[in-house]
Amino acid sequence: MLIWAKDHGHVGEIRSGLLAIQQAGIFLSDAVLQEALQLVRE
């Protein structure tokens, strides 16, 4: 996962992190996801 993130840059790292969290059974609310995406865009 970390190697993939390095290959695809910061956005890839964020997405990999979110996937890992979801796979662990912790589902983020839409508001939190939107906030994370906003941070990526800035």
Protein backbone atom coordinates (compact mmCIF):
# COMPACT_ATOMS: atom_id res chain seq x y z
CA MET A 1 0.00 0.00 0.00
CA LEU A 2 2.74 2.46 0.90
CA ILE A 3 4.70 1.63 -2.25
CA TRP A 4 1.56 2.21 -4.35
CA ALA A 5 1.05 5.57 -2.62
CA LYS A 6 4.60 6.66 -3.46
CA ASP A 7 4.09 5.71 -7.11
CA HIS A 8 0.87 7.69 -7.37
CA GLY A 9 1.66 10.69 -5.18
CA HIS A 10 -0.22 12.29 -2.33
CA VAL A 11 -3.75 11.66 -3.67
CA GLY A 12 -2.96 7.98 -4.00
CA GLU A 13 -1.77 7.94 -0.40
CA ILE A 14 -5.02 9.52 0.80
CA ARG A 15 -7.14 7.04 -1.19
CA SER A 16 -5.10 4.08 0.06
CA GLY A 17 -5.55 5.31 3.62
CA LEU A 18 -9.30 5.67 3.18
CA LEU A 19 -9.53 2.17 1.70
CA ALA A 20 -7.57 0.72 4.61
CA ILE A 21 -9.87 2.47 7.09
CA GLN A 22 -12.98 1.17 5.33
CA GLN A 23 -11.56 -2.36 5.17
CA ALA A 24 -10.97 -2.16 8.92
CA GLY A 25 -14.71 -1.61 9.30
CA ILE A 26 -14.61 2.13 10.08
CA PHE A 27 -16.83 3.93 7.60
CA LEU A 28 -16.31 7.65 7.22
CA SER A 29 -19.25 9.97 6.88
CA ASP A 30 -19.74 11.87 3.61
CA ALA A 31 -18.82 15.10 5.40
CA VAL A 32 -15.46 13.72 6.50
CA LEU A 33 -14.77 12.35 3.02
CA GLN A 34 -15.62 15.70 1.43
CA GLU A 35 -13.30 17.46 3.89
CA ALA A 36 -10.47 15.07 3.03
CA LEU A 37 -11.01 15.63 -0.69
CA GLN A 38 -11.02 19.40 -0.12
CA LEU A 39 -7.62 19.15 1.60
CA VAL A 40 -6.25 17.16 -1.33
CA ARG A 41 -7.39 19.81 -3.82
CA GLU A 42 -5.81 22.74 -1.92
